[in-house]
Amino acid sequence: MALLASPDVGIRGRALLKNRRIDTQRTNMTASTVAQYLAALPADRRAALSAVRKAINENLPDGYEEGMQFGMIGWYVPLSVYPAGYGENPKVPLSFVALASQKSGMVLHFLCFYGHPTLSTWFTSEYKKSGKKLDMGKGCVRFKSLEDLALDVVGRTVARVSAEEHMANYQAARALMGKGNSEKVRERGSSAKKSAKKSAVKRAKPKK
């Protein structure tokens, strides 16, 4: 759980990670796969999270992968594409979005909002247009049932951020905090961008 204690994520980032530490204590931390995580949930929660997961996967740009991360269903830039990892930890993939069930409800963590303030503003605006009530924290959206969530807005939000853009935003945010300015990190970032482009070409999806 090294990421949860990372000191270089900024004030807003630390607030999200603090909340996420609390949330994940209420989830099935023993699950090592997404299938195991979903299977351990009550039927109603399993159905809701499965629907959200489907919407994310259907809109997920090339370059990301799905798996378990920090006791939640996560989508992230794999280390094969961004070897520098989150917080320059080569063992922790760069997080993008996370989905979890907790005692009080369900939650979507949009880590892509950090370093991308215009995306958060756009999301809030589009959510308001949907007519659904938005229960949003620093970078998380809480919902009690699937009907409470503007699923279309979630899908369109995910689709707006390519893996290459997410990496660039993350690097820029770190640079503003005085982190990751070494030549080594810049070389890693350059290599990661090239890998993302190659990955996108190899795994290009047909447009729907």
N, C-alpha and C. Protein backbone atom coordinates (compact mmCIF):
# COMPACT_ATOMS: atom_id res chain seq x y z
N MET A 1 0.82 -1.21 0.00
CA MET A 1 0.00 0.00 0.00
C MET A 1 0.86 1.27 0.00
N ALA A 2 2.00 1.20 -0.69
CA ALA A 2 2.93 2.33 -0.66
C ALA A 2 2.31 3.61 -1.17
N LEU A 3 1.44 3.52 -2.15
CA LEU A 3 0.86 4.72 -2.73
C LEU A 3 0.07 5.52 -1.71
N LEU A 4 -0.60 4.85 -0.81
CA LEU A 4 -1.44 5.54 0.15
C LEU A 4 -0.64 6.43 1.09
N ALA A 5 0.63 6.14 1.22
CA ALA A 5 1.45 6.93 2.12
C ALA A 5 2.38 7.87 1.37
N SER A 6 2.24 7.94 0.06
CA SER A 6 3.12 8.76 -0.75
C SER A 6 3.00 10.23 -0.35
N PRO A 7 4.12 10.92 -0.08
CA PRO A 7 4.08 12.30 0.40
C PRO A 7 4.05 13.33 -0.70
N ASP A 8 4.08 12.91 -1.96
CA ASP A 8 4.28 13.89 -3.01
C ASP A 8 3.09 14.04 -3.94
N VAL A 9 1.89 13.79 -3.46
CA VAL A 9 0.71 13.86 -4.31
C VAL A 9 -0.02 15.19 -4.19
N GLY A 10 0.45 16.10 -3.37
CA GLY A 10 -0.20 17.40 -3.24
C GLY A 10 -1.29 17.38 -2.19
N ILE A 11 -1.76 18.57 -1.82
CA ILE A 11 -2.77 18.67 -0.76
C ILE A 11 -4.06 17.99 -1.15
N ARG A 12 -4.57 18.28 -2.36
CA ARG A 12 -5.83 17.66 -2.78
C ARG A 12 -5.66 16.17 -2.96
N GLY A 13 -4.51 15.76 -3.52
CA GLY A 13 -4.26 14.35 -3.72
C GLY A 13 -4.18 13.60 -2.41
N ARG A 14 -3.53 14.20 -1.41
CA ARG A 14 -3.43 13.55 -0.11
C ARG A 14 -4.80 13.40 0.54
N ALA A 15 -5.67 14.40 0.31
CA ALA A 15 -7.02 14.32 0.87
C ALA A 15 -7.77 13.14 0.27
N LEU A 16 -7.63 12.95 -1.04
CA LEU A 16 -8.29 11.83 -1.69
C LEU A 16 -7.75 10.51 -1.18
N LEU A 17 -6.43 10.41 -1.08
CA LEU A 17 -5.83 9.17 -0.64
C LEU A 17 -6.18 8.86 0.80
N LYS A 18 -6.30 9.91 1.63
CA LYS A 18 -6.71 9.70 3.02
C LYS A 18 -8.10 9.11 3.07
N ASN A 19 -9.02 9.68 2.25
CA ASN A 19 -10.38 9.16 2.21
C ASN A 19 -10.40 7.75 1.66
N ARG A 20 -9.54 7.51 0.66
CA ARG A 20 -9.53 6.20 0.05
C ARG A 20 -9.01 5.15 1.02
N ARG A 21 -8.09 5.53 1.89
CA ARG A 21 -7.58 4.59 2.89
C ARG A 21 -8.72 4.11 3.77
N ILE A 22 -9.60 5.05 4.15
CA ILE A 22 -10.74 4.71 4.99
C ILE A 22 -11.72 3.83 4.21
N ASP A 23 -11.98 4.21 2.96
CA ASP A 23 -12.94 3.48 2.16
C ASP A 23 -12.51 2.04 1.92
N THR A 24 -11.24 1.83 1.59
CA THR A 24 -10.80 0.50 1.24
C THR A 24 -10.80 -0.44 2.43
N GLN A 25 -10.81 0.09 3.64
CA GLN A 25 -10.90 -0.76 4.80
C GLN A 25 -12.27 -1.43 4.87
N ARG A 26 -13.21 -0.89 4.13
CA ARG A 26 -14.57 -1.43 4.14
C ARG A 26 -14.84 -2.33 2.95
N THR A 27 -13.86 -2.54 2.10
CA THR A 27 -14.05 -3.36 0.92
C THR A 27 -13.42 -4.72 1.12
N ASN A 28 -13.58 -5.58 0.13
CA ASN A 28 -13.02 -6.91 0.20
C ASN A 28 -11.54 -6.86 -0.17
N MET A 29 -10.68 -6.60 0.83
CA MET A 29 -9.25 -6.44 0.60
C MET A 29 -8.57 -7.75 0.22
N THR A 30 -9.24 -8.90 0.39
CA THR A 30 -8.60 -10.18 0.11
C THR A 30 -8.72 -10.57 -1.35
N ALA A 31 -9.57 -9.89 -2.12
CA ALA A 31 -9.75 -10.23 -3.52
C ALA A 31 -8.50 -9.89 -4.33
N SER A 32 -8.04 -10.82 -5.12
CA SER A 32 -6.87 -10.59 -5.96
C SER A 32 -7.25 -10.37 -7.42
N THR A 33 -8.51 -10.62 -7.76
CA THR A 33 -9.00 -10.39 -9.12
C THR A 33 -10.33 -9.64 -9.06
N VAL A 34 -10.67 -9.02 -10.17
CA VAL A 34 -11.94 -8.30 -10.25
C VAL A 34 -13.11 -9.27 -10.07
N ALA A 35 -13.00 -10.45 -10.66
CA ALA A 35 -14.07 -11.45 -10.53
C ALA A 35 -14.30 -11.83 -9.08
N GLN A 36 -13.22 -12.00 -8.33
CA GLN A 36 -13.34 -12.35 -6.91
C GLN A 36 -13.97 -11.21 -6.12
N TYR A 37 -13.59 -10.00 -6.45
CA TYR A 37 -14.11 -8.83 -5.76
C TYR A 37 -15.63 -8.75 -5.95
N LEU A 38 -16.07 -8.88 -7.20
CA LEU A 38 -17.50 -8.78 -7.49
C LEU A 38 -18.28 -9.94 -6.88
N ALA A 39 -17.71 -11.12 -6.93
CA ALA A 39 -18.39 -12.31 -6.40
C ALA A 39 -18.65 -12.20 -4.90
N ALA A 40 -17.81 -11.46 -4.20
CA ALA A 40 -17.95 -11.34 -2.74
C ALA A 40 -19.00 -10.30 -2.33
N LEU A 41 -19.53 -9.56 -3.27
CA LEU A 41 -20.49 -8.50 -2.97
C LEU A 41 -21.93 -9.02 -2.92
N PRO A 42 -22.83 -8.34 -2.20
CA PRO A 42 -24.25 -8.67 -2.25
C PRO A 42 -24.74 -8.51 -3.68
N ALA A 43 -25.80 -9.19 -4.05
CA ALA A 43 -26.28 -9.20 -5.43
C ALA A 43 -26.55 -7.81 -5.99
N ASP A 44 -27.15 -6.93 -5.19
CA ASP A 44 -27.49 -5.60 -5.70
C ASP A 44 -26.24 -4.77 -5.97
N ARG A 45 -25.27 -4.86 -5.06
CA ARG A 45 -24.02 -4.13 -5.27
C ARG A 45 -23.26 -4.70 -6.47
N ARG A 46 -23.24 -6.01 -6.57
CA ARG A 46 -22.55 -6.66 -7.68
C ARG A 46 -23.13 -6.22 -9.03
N ALA A 47 -24.45 -6.15 -9.10
CA ALA A 47 -25.11 -5.73 -10.34
C ALA A 47 -24.78 -4.28 -10.67
N ALA A 48 -24.78 -3.42 -9.66
CA ALA A 48 -24.51 -2.00 -9.88
C ALA A 48 -23.07 -1.77 -10.32
N LEU A 49 -22.12 -2.36 -9.60
CA LEU A 49 -20.72 -2.17 -9.95
C LEU A 49 -20.38 -2.80 -11.30
N SER A 50 -21.05 -3.90 -11.61
CA SER A 50 -20.82 -4.55 -12.91
C SER A 50 -21.26 -3.64 -14.05
N ALA A 51 -22.36 -2.93 -13.85
CA ALA A 51 -22.86 -2.01 -14.87
C ALA A 51 -21.91 -0.83 -15.05
N VAL A 52 -21.40 -0.30 -13.95
CA VAL A 52 -20.46 0.82 -14.02
C VAL A 52 -19.16 0.35 -14.67
N ARG A 53 -18.71 -0.81 -14.27
CA ARG A 53 -17.49 -1.39 -14.86
C ARG A 53 -17.64 -1.55 -16.37
N LYS A 54 -18.78 -2.03 -16.81
CA LYS A 54 -19.02 -2.22 -18.23
C LYS A 54 -18.96 -0.89 -18.97
N ALA A 55 -19.56 0.14 -18.40
CA ALA A 55 -19.55 1.47 -19.04
C ALA A 55 -18.13 2.01 -19.16
N ILE A 56 -17.33 1.78 -18.13
CA ILE A 56 -15.94 2.26 -18.16
C ILE A 56 -15.14 1.50 -19.21
N ASN A 57 -15.27 0.18 -19.21
CA ASN A 57 -14.50 -0.63 -20.16
C ASN A 57 -14.90 -0.35 -21.61
N GLU A 58 -16.17 -0.05 -21.83
CA GLU A 58 -16.62 0.24 -23.19
C GLU A 58 -16.10 1.59 -23.71
N ASN A 59 -15.72 2.47 -22.79
CA ASN A 59 -15.25 3.80 -23.17
C ASN A 59 -13.77 4.02 -22.89
N LEU A 60 -13.11 3.02 -22.35
CA LEU A 60 -11.72 3.15 -21.93
C LEU A 60 -10.79 3.29 -23.14
N PRO A 61 -10.01 4.37 -23.20
CA PRO A 61 -9.07 4.55 -24.31
C PRO A 61 -7.98 3.48 -24.27
N ASP A 62 -7.32 3.27 -25.38
CA ASP A 62 -6.20 2.32 -25.43
C ASP A 62 -5.08 2.81 -24.52
N GLY A 63 -4.33 1.88 -23.98
CA GLY A 63 -3.19 2.23 -23.14
C GLY A 63 -3.43 1.98 -21.67
N TYR A 64 -4.70 1.76 -21.28
CA TYR A 64 -5.01 1.48 -19.89
C TYR A 64 -5.28 -0.01 -19.70
N GLU A 65 -5.17 -0.46 -18.45
CA GLU A 65 -5.51 -1.84 -18.11
C GLU A 65 -6.41 -1.83 -16.88
N GLU A 66 -7.17 -2.91 -16.72
CA GLU A 66 -8.04 -3.07 -15.55
C GLU A 66 -7.48 -4.14 -14.63
N GLY A 67 -7.63 -3.93 -13.33
CA GLY A 67 -7.19 -4.93 -12.37
C GLY A 67 -7.52 -4.48 -10.96
N MET A 68 -7.06 -5.20 -9.97
CA MET A 68 -7.26 -4.80 -8.59
C MET A 68 -6.13 -3.89 -8.15
N GLN A 69 -6.47 -2.79 -7.52
CA GLN A 69 -5.47 -1.85 -7.04
C GLN A 69 -5.98 -1.22 -5.74
N PHE A 70 -5.23 -1.38 -4.66
CA PHE A 70 -5.59 -0.82 -3.35
C PHE A 70 -6.95 -1.33 -2.85
N GLY A 71 -7.24 -2.59 -3.13
CA GLY A 71 -8.48 -3.17 -2.66
C GLY A 71 -9.70 -2.74 -3.43
N MET A 72 -9.50 -2.12 -4.58
CA MET A 72 -10.61 -1.65 -5.42
C MET A 72 -10.42 -2.14 -6.85
N ILE A 73 -11.48 -2.07 -7.64
CA ILE A 73 -11.34 -2.31 -9.07
C ILE A 73 -10.69 -1.06 -9.63
N GLY A 74 -9.58 -1.22 -10.31
CA GLY A 74 -8.87 -0.05 -10.80
C GLY A 74 -8.54 -0.12 -12.27
N TRP A 75 -8.39 1.05 -12.85
CA TRP A 75 -7.93 1.19 -14.23
C TRP A 75 -6.69 2.08 -14.16
N TYR A 76 -5.64 1.66 -14.83
CA TYR A 76 -4.36 2.34 -14.68
C TYR A 76 -3.50 2.17 -15.93
N VAL A 77 -2.45 3.00 -15.99
CA VAL A 77 -1.48 2.87 -17.07
C VAL A 77 -0.49 1.80 -16.62
N PRO A 78 -0.38 0.68 -17.33
CA PRO A 78 0.49 -0.41 -16.87
C PRO A 78 1.96 0.01 -16.86
N LEU A 79 2.73 -0.67 -16.05
CA LEU A 79 4.15 -0.36 -15.94
C LEU A 79 4.89 -0.59 -17.25
N SER A 80 4.35 -1.44 -18.11
CA SER A 80 4.99 -1.67 -19.41
C SER A 80 4.91 -0.43 -20.29
N VAL A 81 3.94 0.44 -20.00
CA VAL A 81 3.77 1.68 -20.76
C VAL A 81 4.37 2.86 -20.02
N TYR A 82 4.17 2.89 -18.70
CA TYR A 82 4.72 3.97 -17.87
C TYR A 82 5.56 3.34 -16.75
N PRO A 83 6.78 2.92 -17.07
CA PRO A 83 7.63 2.20 -16.12
C PRO A 83 8.03 3.01 -14.89
N ALA A 84 7.95 4.35 -14.96
CA ALA A 84 8.30 5.17 -13.80
C ALA A 84 7.35 4.90 -12.64
N GLY A 85 6.10 4.54 -12.96
CA GLY A 85 5.11 4.22 -11.94
C GLY A 85 4.61 5.45 -11.20
N TYR A 86 3.63 5.23 -10.35
CA TYR A 86 3.05 6.31 -9.55
C TYR A 86 4.03 6.71 -8.45
N GLY A 87 4.30 8.01 -8.33
CA GLY A 87 5.24 8.49 -7.32
C GLY A 87 6.64 7.98 -7.55
N GLU A 88 6.94 7.68 -8.84
CA GLU A 88 8.25 7.13 -9.21
C GLU A 88 8.51 5.80 -8.53
N ASN A 89 7.42 5.09 -8.24
CA ASN A 89 7.52 3.75 -7.68
C ASN A 89 7.31 2.75 -8.82
N PRO A 90 8.35 2.09 -9.28
CA PRO A 90 8.25 1.19 -10.43
C PRO A 90 7.42 -0.06 -10.17
N LYS A 91 6.87 -0.19 -8.97
CA LYS A 91 6.02 -1.34 -8.66
C LYS A 91 4.54 -0.97 -8.62
N VAL A 92 4.24 0.33 -8.74
CA VAL A 92 2.86 0.80 -8.64
C VAL A 92 2.43 1.48 -9.95
N PRO A 93 1.50 0.88 -10.70
CA PRO A 93 1.03 1.50 -11.95
C PRO A 93 0.37 2.84 -11.69
N LEU A 94 0.41 3.73 -12.68
CA LEU A 94 -0.20 5.05 -12.58
C LEU A 94 -1.72 4.94 -12.62
N SER A 95 -2.37 5.22 -11.50
CA SER A 95 -3.82 5.08 -11.38
C SER A 95 -4.57 6.09 -12.24
N PHE A 96 -5.74 5.68 -12.74
CA PHE A 96 -6.57 6.52 -13.60
C PHE A 96 -7.96 6.68 -12.98
N VAL A 97 -8.66 5.58 -12.78
CA VAL A 97 -9.99 5.57 -12.17
C VAL A 97 -10.09 4.33 -11.28
N ALA A 98 -10.86 4.43 -10.20
CA ALA A 98 -11.07 3.28 -9.33
C ALA A 98 -12.54 3.20 -8.93
N LEU A 99 -13.00 2.00 -8.69
CA LEU A 99 -14.41 1.75 -8.37
C LEU A 99 -14.49 0.82 -7.16
N ALA A 100 -15.31 1.18 -6.19
CA ALA A 100 -15.36 0.36 -4.98
C ALA A 100 -16.74 0.36 -4.32
N SER A 101 -16.96 -0.69 -3.54
CA SER A 101 -18.13 -0.78 -2.68
C SER A 101 -17.64 -0.57 -1.26
N GLN A 102 -18.35 0.27 -0.51
CA GLN A 102 -18.00 0.48 0.88
C GLN A 102 -19.25 0.37 1.73
N LYS A 103 -19.09 0.45 3.01
CA LYS A 103 -20.22 0.22 3.91
C LYS A 103 -21.39 1.17 3.65
N SER A 104 -21.09 2.44 3.39
CA SER A 104 -22.14 3.44 3.23
C SER A 104 -22.68 3.57 1.81
N GLY A 105 -22.06 2.90 0.86
CA GLY A 105 -22.51 3.01 -0.52
C GLY A 105 -21.41 2.60 -1.48
N MET A 106 -21.45 3.17 -2.68
CA MET A 106 -20.44 2.87 -3.70
C MET A 106 -19.75 4.16 -4.09
N VAL A 107 -18.55 4.03 -4.65
CA VAL A 107 -17.78 5.22 -4.96
C VAL A 107 -16.91 5.03 -6.20
N LEU A 108 -16.81 6.10 -6.96
CA LEU A 108 -15.91 6.16 -8.12
C LEU A 108 -14.84 7.19 -7.81
N HIS A 109 -13.59 6.80 -7.89
CA HIS A 109 -12.48 7.72 -7.68
C HIS A 109 -11.91 8.13 -9.04
N PHE A 110 -12.02 9.40 -9.36
CA PHE A 110 -11.46 9.90 -10.61
C PHE A 110 -10.10 10.53 -10.33
N LEU A 111 -9.06 9.71 -10.33
CA LEU A 111 -7.73 10.24 -10.09
C LEU A 111 -7.26 11.09 -11.27
N CYS A 112 -7.93 10.91 -12.41
CA CYS A 112 -7.58 11.71 -13.59
C CYS A 112 -7.95 13.18 -13.42
N PHE A 113 -8.75 13.52 -12.39
CA PHE A 113 -9.10 14.92 -12.16
C PHE A 113 -7.92 15.72 -11.66
N TYR A 114 -6.98 15.05 -10.98
CA TYR A 114 -5.83 15.75 -10.43
C TYR A 114 -4.82 16.05 -11.54
N GLY A 115 -4.46 17.31 -11.66
CA GLY A 115 -3.60 17.73 -12.75
C GLY A 115 -4.40 18.04 -14.00
N HIS A 116 -5.73 17.94 -13.91
CA HIS A 116 -6.60 18.19 -15.06
C HIS A 116 -7.86 18.89 -14.56
N PRO A 117 -7.74 20.11 -14.02
CA PRO A 117 -8.90 20.81 -13.43
C PRO A 117 -10.03 21.08 -14.40
N THR A 118 -9.72 21.28 -15.69
CA THR A 118 -10.79 21.54 -16.66
C THR A 118 -11.68 20.32 -16.84
N LEU A 119 -11.12 19.13 -16.66
CA LEU A 119 -11.91 17.91 -16.78
C LEU A 119 -12.91 17.81 -15.65
N SER A 120 -12.49 18.15 -14.45
CA SER A 120 -13.38 18.13 -13.29
C SER A 120 -14.52 19.13 -13.47
N THR A 121 -14.19 20.31 -14.00
CA THR A 121 -15.21 21.34 -14.24
C THR A 121 -16.21 20.87 -15.29
N TRP A 122 -15.69 20.28 -16.36
CA TRP A 122 -16.55 19.75 -17.42
C TRP A 122 -17.46 18.66 -16.88
N PHE A 123 -16.90 17.76 -16.07
CA PHE A 123 -17.67 16.66 -15.49
C PHE A 123 -18.83 17.19 -14.65
N THR A 124 -18.54 18.15 -13.80
CA THR A 124 -19.57 18.73 -12.93
C THR A 124 -20.69 19.36 -13.75
N SER A 125 -20.31 20.07 -14.81
CA SER A 125 -21.29 20.71 -15.68
C SER A 125 -22.18 19.69 -16.38
N GLU A 126 -21.55 18.65 -16.93
CA GLU A 126 -22.30 17.62 -17.65
C GLU A 126 -23.20 16.82 -16.70
N TYR A 127 -22.72 16.60 -15.51
CA TYR A 127 -23.50 15.85 -14.52
C TYR A 127 -24.77 16.64 -14.17
N LYS A 128 -24.62 17.93 -14.03
CA LYS A 128 -25.77 18.78 -13.71
C LYS A 128 -26.82 18.70 -14.81
N LYS A 129 -26.35 18.66 -16.06
CA LYS A 129 -27.27 18.57 -17.20
C LYS A 129 -28.04 17.25 -17.19
N SER A 130 -27.46 16.22 -16.60
CA SER A 130 -28.10 14.90 -16.60
C SER A 130 -29.34 14.87 -15.72
N GLY A 131 -29.44 15.83 -14.79
CA GLY A 131 -30.58 15.85 -13.88
C GLY A 131 -30.36 15.01 -12.64
N LYS A 132 -29.24 14.31 -12.57
CA LYS A 132 -28.92 13.50 -11.40
C LYS A 132 -28.25 14.37 -10.34
N LYS A 133 -28.44 14.03 -9.08
CA LYS A 133 -27.81 14.76 -7.99
C LYS A 133 -26.38 14.27 -7.83
N LEU A 134 -25.44 15.19 -7.84
CA LEU A 134 -24.04 14.84 -7.73
C LEU A 134 -23.57 14.90 -6.28
N ASP A 135 -23.10 13.77 -5.77
CA ASP A 135 -22.52 13.70 -4.43
C ASP A 135 -21.02 13.48 -4.64
N MET A 136 -20.28 14.57 -4.65
CA MET A 136 -18.87 14.51 -5.05
C MET A 136 -17.95 15.11 -4.00
N GLY A 137 -16.87 14.39 -3.72
CA GLY A 137 -15.85 14.88 -2.81
C GLY A 137 -14.73 15.50 -3.61
N LYS A 138 -13.50 15.38 -3.13
CA LYS A 138 -12.35 15.96 -3.81
C LYS A 138 -12.18 15.41 -5.22
N GLY A 139 -12.31 14.13 -5.36
CA GLY A 139 -12.18 13.52 -6.68
C GLY A 139 -12.97 12.24 -6.78
N CYS A 140 -13.93 12.09 -5.86
CA CYS A 140 -14.73 10.87 -5.85
C CYS A 140 -16.21 11.18 -5.97
N VAL A 141 -16.92 10.28 -6.61
CA VAL A 141 -18.36 10.40 -6.78
C VAL A 141 -19.01 9.26 -6.02
N ARG A 142 -19.85 9.61 -5.06
CA ARG A 142 -20.51 8.60 -4.24
C ARG A 142 -21.94 8.37 -4.73
N PHE A 143 -22.39 7.12 -4.71
CA PHE A 143 -23.75 6.82 -5.13
C PHE A 143 -24.27 5.61 -4.37
N LYS A 144 -25.56 5.64 -4.06
CA LYS A 144 -26.20 4.57 -3.29
C LYS A 144 -26.69 3.44 -4.18
N SER A 145 -27.12 3.81 -5.39
CA SER A 145 -27.63 2.82 -6.33
C SER A 145 -27.25 3.23 -7.74
N LEU A 146 -27.38 2.32 -8.69
CA LEU A 146 -27.03 2.61 -10.07
C LEU A 146 -27.88 3.74 -10.62
N GLU A 147 -29.13 3.82 -10.17
CA GLU A 147 -30.05 4.85 -10.65
C GLU A 147 -29.59 6.25 -10.22
N ASP A 148 -28.79 6.33 -9.19
CA ASP A 148 -28.30 7.63 -8.71
C ASP A 148 -27.13 8.16 -9.54
N LEU A 149 -26.54 7.30 -10.35
CA LEU A 149 -25.33 7.66 -11.08
C LEU A 149 -25.63 8.02 -12.53
N ALA A 150 -25.05 9.12 -13.00
CA ALA A 150 -25.17 9.52 -14.42
C ALA A 150 -24.15 8.71 -15.20
N LEU A 151 -24.51 7.48 -15.54
CA LEU A 151 -23.59 6.53 -16.14
C LEU A 151 -23.03 7.01 -17.47
N ASP A 152 -23.86 7.70 -18.24
CA ASP A 152 -23.40 8.21 -19.54
C ASP A 152 -22.28 9.23 -19.35
N VAL A 153 -22.41 10.07 -18.35
CA VAL A 153 -21.38 11.08 -18.08
C VAL A 153 -20.09 10.41 -17.63
N VAL A 154 -20.20 9.36 -16.85
CA VAL A 154 -19.02 8.61 -16.42
C VAL A 154 -18.28 8.06 -17.63
N GLY A 155 -19.02 7.44 -18.54
CA GLY A 155 -18.41 6.87 -19.73
C GLY A 155 -17.73 7.92 -20.59
N ARG A 156 -18.40 9.05 -20.78
CA ARG A 156 -17.82 10.11 -21.61
C ARG A 156 -16.61 10.75 -20.96
N THR A 157 -16.59 10.77 -19.63
CA THR A 157 -15.45 11.33 -18.91
C THR A 157 -14.22 10.45 -19.11
N VAL A 158 -14.40 9.17 -18.95
CA VAL A 158 -13.31 8.22 -19.14
C VAL A 158 -12.76 8.32 -20.56
N ALA A 159 -13.65 8.44 -21.53
CA ALA A 159 -13.25 8.47 -22.93
C ALA A 159 -12.46 9.73 -23.30
N ARG A 160 -12.56 10.78 -22.50
CA ARG A 160 -11.92 12.05 -22.83
C ARG A 160 -10.42 12.09 -22.55
N VAL A 161 -9.92 11.15 -21.76
CA VAL A 161 -8.52 11.22 -21.34
C VAL A 161 -7.71 10.03 -21.85
N SER A 162 -6.90 10.26 -22.85
CA SER A 162 -6.04 9.20 -23.35
C SER A 162 -4.95 8.89 -22.34
N ALA A 163 -4.36 7.73 -22.45
CA ALA A 163 -3.28 7.35 -21.54
C ALA A 163 -2.12 8.33 -21.68
N GLU A 164 -1.84 8.74 -22.89
CA GLU A 164 -0.74 9.68 -23.13
C GLU A 164 -1.01 11.02 -22.44
N GLU A 165 -2.25 11.50 -22.54
CA GLU A 165 -2.60 12.77 -21.89
C GLU A 165 -2.55 12.63 -20.37
N HIS A 166 -3.02 11.49 -19.86
CA HIS A 166 -3.01 11.28 -18.41
C HIS A 166 -1.57 11.30 -17.87
N MET A 167 -0.67 10.66 -18.59
CA MET A 167 0.73 10.65 -18.17
C MET A 167 1.32 12.06 -18.19
N ALA A 168 0.99 12.80 -19.25
CA ALA A 168 1.51 14.17 -19.37
C ALA A 168 0.97 15.06 -18.26
N ASN A 169 -0.32 14.92 -17.94
CA ASN A 169 -0.93 15.72 -16.87
C ASN A 169 -0.30 15.38 -15.52
N TYR A 170 -0.05 14.10 -15.32
CA TYR A 170 0.55 13.66 -14.06
C TYR A 170 1.96 14.22 -13.92
N GLN A 171 2.73 14.15 -14.99
CA GLN A 171 4.10 14.68 -14.96
C GLN A 171 4.11 16.18 -14.73
N ALA A 172 3.16 16.88 -15.36
CA ALA A 172 3.08 18.34 -15.19
C ALA A 172 2.73 18.69 -13.75
N ALA A 173 1.80 17.93 -13.16
CA ALA A 173 1.39 18.18 -11.78
C ALA A 173 2.56 17.95 -10.83
N ARG A 174 3.34 16.93 -11.08
CA ARG A 174 4.51 16.65 -10.25
C ARG A 174 5.56 17.75 -10.40
N ALA A 175 5.69 18.25 -11.61
CA ALA A 175 6.67 19.31 -11.86
C ALA A 175 6.29 20.57 -11.08
N LEU A 176 4.98 20.86 -11.01
CA LEU A 176 4.52 22.04 -10.28
C LEU A 176 4.80 21.91 -8.79
N MET A 177 4.84 20.66 -8.31
CA MET A 177 5.12 20.42 -6.90
C MET A 177 6.62 20.27 -6.64
N GLY A 178 7.42 20.43 -7.71
CA GLY A 178 8.86 20.31 -7.55
C GLY A 178 9.33 18.88 -7.50
N LYS A 179 8.50 17.97 -8.04
CA LYS A 179 8.85 16.55 -8.04
C LYS A 179 9.09 16.09 -9.47
N GLY A 180 9.93 15.10 -9.59
CA GLY A 180 10.11 14.46 -10.90
C GLY A 180 10.77 15.32 -11.94
N ASN A 181 11.66 16.22 -11.55
CA ASN A 181 12.31 17.08 -12.53
C ASN A 181 13.67 16.58 -12.97
N SER A 182 14.08 15.47 -12.46
CA SER A 182 15.40 14.96 -12.81
C SER A 182 15.42 14.48 -14.26
N GLU A 183 16.63 14.40 -14.80
CA GLU A 183 16.79 13.92 -16.18
C GLU A 183 16.27 12.50 -16.31
N LYS A 184 16.47 11.70 -15.26
CA LYS A 184 16.03 10.32 -15.28
C LYS A 184 14.53 10.22 -15.45
N VAL A 185 13.79 11.05 -14.73
CA VAL A 185 12.33 11.03 -14.81
C VAL A 185 11.86 11.51 -16.17
N ARG A 186 12.52 12.55 -16.70
CA ARG A 186 12.14 13.05 -18.02
C ARG A 186 12.35 11.99 -19.09
N GLU A 187 13.46 11.23 -18.96
CA GLU A 187 13.72 10.17 -19.92
C GLU A 187 12.66 9.08 -19.82
N ARG A 188 12.27 8.76 -18.59
CA ARG A 188 11.22 7.76 -18.40
C ARG A 188 9.91 8.23 -19.00
N GLY A 189 9.61 9.50 -18.80
CA GLY A 189 8.37 10.05 -19.32
C GLY A 189 8.34 10.02 -20.83
N SER A 190 9.47 10.37 -21.45
CA SER A 190 9.56 10.35 -22.91
C SER A 190 9.38 8.95 -23.44
N SER A 191 10.03 7.99 -22.78
CA SER A 191 9.91 6.60 -23.18
C SER A 191 8.48 6.10 -23.01
N ALA A 192 7.81 6.53 -21.94
CA ALA A 192 6.43 6.11 -21.67
C ALA A 192 5.49 6.63 -22.74
N LYS A 193 5.69 7.87 -23.18
CA LYS A 193 4.83 8.44 -24.21
C LYS A 193 4.96 7.67 -25.51
N LYS A 194 6.21 7.31 -25.87
CA LYS A 194 6.44 6.55 -27.09
C LYS A 194 5.77 5.19 -27.00
N SER A 195 5.86 4.57 -25.81
CA SER A 195 5.25 3.26 -25.61
C SER A 195 3.73 3.35 -25.72
N ALA A 196 3.17 4.44 -25.19
CA ALA A 196 1.71 4.64 -25.25
C ALA A 196 1.24 4.76 -26.68
N LYS A 197 2.01 5.50 -27.50
CA LYS A 197 1.64 5.66 -28.91
C LYS A 197 1.68 4.32 -29.64
N LYS A 198 2.74 3.52 -29.38
CA LYS A 198 2.85 2.22 -30.03
C LYS A 198 1.73 1.31 -29.58
N SER A 199 1.41 1.36 -28.27
CA SER A 199 0.34 0.54 -27.73
C SER A 199 -1.00 0.88 -28.36
N ALA A 200 -1.24 2.17 -28.54
CA ALA A 200 -2.51 2.63 -29.12
C ALA A 200 -2.66 2.14 -30.55
N VAL A 201 -1.55 2.10 -31.28
CA VAL A 201 -1.58 1.65 -32.68
C VAL A 201 -1.85 0.16 -32.74
N LYS A 202 -1.17 -0.59 -31.87
CA LYS A 202 -1.33 -2.05 -31.86
C LYS A 202 -2.70 -2.47 -31.40
N ARG A 203 -3.27 -1.74 -30.43
CA ARG A 203 -4.54 -2.14 -29.82
C ARG A 203 -5.69 -1.23 -30.17
N ALA A 204 -5.59 -0.60 -31.34
CA ALA A 204 -6.64 0.34 -31.75
C ALA A 204 -7.98 -0.38 -31.82
N LYS A 205 -9.00 0.24 -31.22
CA LYS A 205 -10.34 -0.33 -31.19
C LYS A 205 -11.20 0.26 -32.31
N PRO A 206 -12.11 -0.55 -32.87
CA PRO A 206 -13.02 0.01 -33.88
C PRO A 206 -13.95 1.02 -33.24
N LYS A 207 -14.18 2.13 -33.91
CA LYS A 207 -15.08 3.15 -33.38
C LYS A 207 -16.51 2.67 -33.39
N LYS A 208 -17.22 2.95 -32.29
CA LYS A 208 -18.63 2.55 -32.20
C LYS A 208 -19.53 3.72 -32.51
